[in-house]
N, C-alpha and C. Protein backbone atom coordinates (compact mmCIF):
# COMPACT_ATOMS: atom_id res chain seq x y z
N MET A 1 170.73 278.57 87.38
CA MET A 1 172.00 279.31 86.82
C MET A 1 171.63 280.30 86.66
N THR A 2 173.58 281.09 87.01
CA THR A 2 173.06 282.32 86.90
C THR A 2 173.23 283.06 85.62
N ARG A 3 172.50 284.05 85.68
CA ARG A 3 172.14 285.14 84.51
C ARG A 3 173.42 285.49 83.82
N LEU A 4 173.45 284.60 82.52
CA LEU A 4 174.71 285.13 81.40
C LEU A 4 174.10 286.19 80.60
N SER A 5 175.16 287.46 80.45
CA SER A 5 174.51 288.68 79.91
C SER A 5 175.79 288.38 78.37
N PRO A 6 175.45 288.82 77.41
CA PRO A 6 176.19 289.38 76.14
C PRO A 6 177.91 289.56 76.84
N GLY A 7 178.67 288.76 75.72
CA GLY A 7 180.21 289.63 76.04
C GLY A 7 180.50 288.05 76.85
N THR A 8 180.14 288.08 77.89
CA THR A 8 180.77 286.79 79.13
C THR A 8 180.77 285.58 78.03
N TYR A 9 182.10 285.32 78.60
CA TYR A 9 183.05 283.80 77.97
C TYR A 9 182.82 282.68 78.60
N VAL A 10 182.17 281.60 77.87
CA VAL A 10 181.49 280.41 78.61
C VAL A 10 182.18 279.43 77.89
N CYS A 11 182.18 278.15 78.11
CA CYS A 11 182.37 276.36 77.61
C CYS A 11 181.34 275.81 78.16
N HIS A 12 181.37 274.91 77.29
CA HIS A 12 180.10 273.63 77.38
C HIS A 12 181.06 272.89 77.89
N PRO A 13 180.21 272.57 78.87
CA PRO A 13 181.03 271.49 79.52
C PRO A 13 181.39 269.74 79.72
N ASP A 14 179.73 269.53 78.95
CA ASP A 14 180.62 267.96 78.10
C ASP A 14 181.13 268.04 76.14
N ARG A 15 181.13 269.56 75.94
CA ARG A 15 181.97 269.40 74.63
C ARG A 15 183.34 270.47 74.54
N PRO A 16 184.50 270.32 75.50
CA PRO A 16 185.34 271.09 74.97
C PRO A 16 186.37 271.22 73.65
N ASP A 17 185.90 270.57 72.96
CA ASP A 17 186.30 270.43 71.30
C ASP A 17 185.66 271.80 70.84
N TRP A 18 184.44 272.33 71.68
CA TRP A 18 184.06 273.41 70.81
C TRP A 18 184.63 274.89 70.98
N GLY A 19 185.44 274.56 71.90
CA GLY A 19 186.27 275.63 72.07
C GLY A 19 185.69 277.02 73.29
N ILE A 20 185.91 277.97 73.12
CA ILE A 20 185.64 278.99 74.18
C ILE A 20 184.74 279.53 73.12
N GLY A 21 183.39 279.90 74.11
CA GLY A 21 182.48 280.80 73.23
C GLY A 21 182.02 281.82 74.03
N GLN A 22 181.50 283.34 72.87
CA GLN A 22 180.97 284.26 73.62
C GLN A 22 179.60 284.24 73.56
N VAL A 23 178.93 284.87 74.77
CA VAL A 23 177.27 284.91 74.33
C VAL A 23 176.69 285.94 73.53
N GLN A 24 176.09 285.59 72.93
CA GLN A 24 175.64 286.41 72.11
C GLN A 24 174.40 287.14 73.10
N SER A 25 173.69 286.27 73.12
CA SER A 25 172.20 286.87 73.97
C SER A 25 171.80 285.55 74.73
N ALA A 26 170.81 286.04 75.57
CA ALA A 26 170.54 284.95 76.40
C ALA A 26 168.84 285.94 77.34
N ILE A 27 168.12 284.89 76.59
CA ILE A 27 166.63 285.53 76.52
C ILE A 27 166.02 283.94 77.44
N GLY A 28 165.79 284.04 78.29
CA GLY A 28 164.89 283.18 79.12
C GLY A 28 165.77 282.50 79.45
N MET A 29 165.86 281.17 78.99
CA MET A 29 166.60 279.76 79.49
C MET A 29 167.95 279.71 77.96
N ARG A 30 167.26 280.60 77.04
CA ARG A 30 167.79 280.22 75.86
C ARG A 30 169.03 281.22 75.72
N VAL A 31 170.16 280.63 75.36
CA VAL A 31 171.54 281.30 75.17
C VAL A 31 171.92 280.87 74.09
N THR A 32 172.26 282.11 73.21
CA THR A 32 173.21 281.66 71.89
C THR A 32 174.33 282.32 71.81
N VAL A 33 175.09 281.31 71.53
CA VAL A 33 176.59 281.33 72.07
C VAL A 33 177.22 280.92 70.79
N ASN A 34 178.50 281.99 70.64
CA ASN A 34 179.45 281.97 69.40
C ASN A 34 180.56 281.03 69.69
N PHE A 35 180.92 280.03 69.44
CA PHE A 35 182.18 279.10 69.74
C PHE A 35 182.93 279.40 68.56
N GLU A 36 184.13 279.20 69.37
CA GLU A 36 185.30 279.18 68.14
C GLU A 36 185.59 277.71 67.48
N HIS A 37 185.21 276.77 67.69
CA HIS A 37 185.74 275.71 66.86
C HIS A 37 184.21 275.61 65.23
N VAL A 38 183.07 276.13 66.43
CA VAL A 38 181.75 275.38 65.83
C VAL A 38 180.80 276.46 65.50
N GLY A 39 181.07 277.79 65.67
CA GLY A 39 180.39 278.90 65.34
C GLY A 39 178.90 279.18 66.17
N LYS A 40 178.31 279.73 65.65
CA LYS A 40 177.07 280.08 66.82
C LYS A 40 175.41 279.39 66.88
N LEU A 41 175.88 278.99 67.94
CA LEU A 41 174.62 277.44 68.45
C LEU A 41 173.67 278.07 69.81
N LEU A 42 172.57 278.20 69.42
CA LEU A 42 171.42 277.83 70.53
C LEU A 42 171.65 277.15 71.90
N ILE A 43 171.89 277.16 72.60
CA ILE A 43 172.20 276.72 73.83
C ILE A 43 171.01 276.38 74.78
N ASP A 44 170.50 275.44 75.03
CA ASP A 44 169.09 275.75 76.70
C ASP A 44 169.69 275.16 77.89
N ALA A 45 169.91 276.16 78.73
CA ALA A 45 170.22 276.50 79.53
C ALA A 45 169.40 275.71 80.52
N GLU A 46 168.35 275.27 80.46
CA GLU A 46 167.75 274.44 81.15
C GLU A 46 168.36 272.48 81.75
N HIS A 47 169.38 272.64 80.39
CA HIS A 47 169.41 271.03 80.50
C HIS A 47 171.14 271.26 80.30
N VAL A 48 171.78 272.38 80.21
CA VAL A 48 173.05 272.59 80.05
C VAL A 48 173.39 273.79 80.67
N THR A 49 174.16 273.70 81.98
CA THR A 49 175.06 274.51 82.41
C THR A 49 176.20 275.03 81.92
N LEU A 50 176.18 276.46 81.62
CA LEU A 50 177.82 276.74 80.86
C LEU A 50 178.23 276.73 81.93
N VAL A 51 179.83 276.85 81.58
CA VAL A 51 180.84 277.22 82.78
C VAL A 51 181.69 278.33 82.36
N ARG A 52 181.74 279.52 82.79
CA ARG A 52 182.15 280.94 82.93
C ARG A 52 183.71 280.59 82.67
N VAL A 53 184.28 281.48 81.20
CA VAL A 53 185.46 281.11 81.45
C VAL A 53 186.54 282.51 81.53
N ASP A 54 187.68 282.99 81.86
CA ASP A 54 188.37 283.76 81.20
C ASP A 54 189.23 283.66 80.50
N PRO A 55 188.68 284.30 79.45
CA PRO A 55 189.53 284.02 78.53
C PRO A 55 191.37 284.98 78.12
N GLN A 56 191.39 285.59 78.98
CA GLN A 56 193.19 285.77 78.97
C GLN A 56 193.72 284.63 79.94
N ALA A 57 192.92 284.34 81.14
CA ALA A 57 193.76 283.18 81.90
C ALA A 57 193.97 281.57 80.82
N GLU A 58 192.98 281.59 80.21
CA GLU A 58 193.10 280.77 79.02
C GLU A 58 193.75 280.76 77.81
N LEU A 59 194.01 282.21 77.44
CA LEU A 59 195.12 281.96 76.61
C LEU A 59 196.60 282.38 77.22
N ALA A 60 196.89 282.25 78.30
CA ALA A 60 197.69 282.35 78.93
C ALA A 60 198.32 280.50 79.42
N VAL A 61 197.23 280.19 79.27
CA VAL A 61 197.54 278.59 79.52
C VAL A 61 198.34 277.86 78.43
N LYS A 62 197.65 278.05 77.52
CA LYS A 62 197.92 277.61 75.47
C LYS A 62 199.43 278.29 75.45
N THR A 63 199.59 279.42 76.15
CA THR A 63 200.86 279.90 75.64
C THR A 63 202.36 279.33 75.89
N ILE A 64 201.94 278.92 77.59
CA ILE A 64 202.70 278.13 78.13
C ILE A 64 203.27 277.07 77.68
């Protein structure tokens, strides 16, 4: 997995209902993400590969 840095926008591949999340911190394989629909969660990146997203592109799709 590519290292995620704070401020990066991501989504969980198996939980699209959580919405877009913003990485708050990444220490080792532990990534804290603040998701728009479920709040702040600690993700074990050893078991879940978060998908980077462009929030501007997502917003454009939602408004069409």
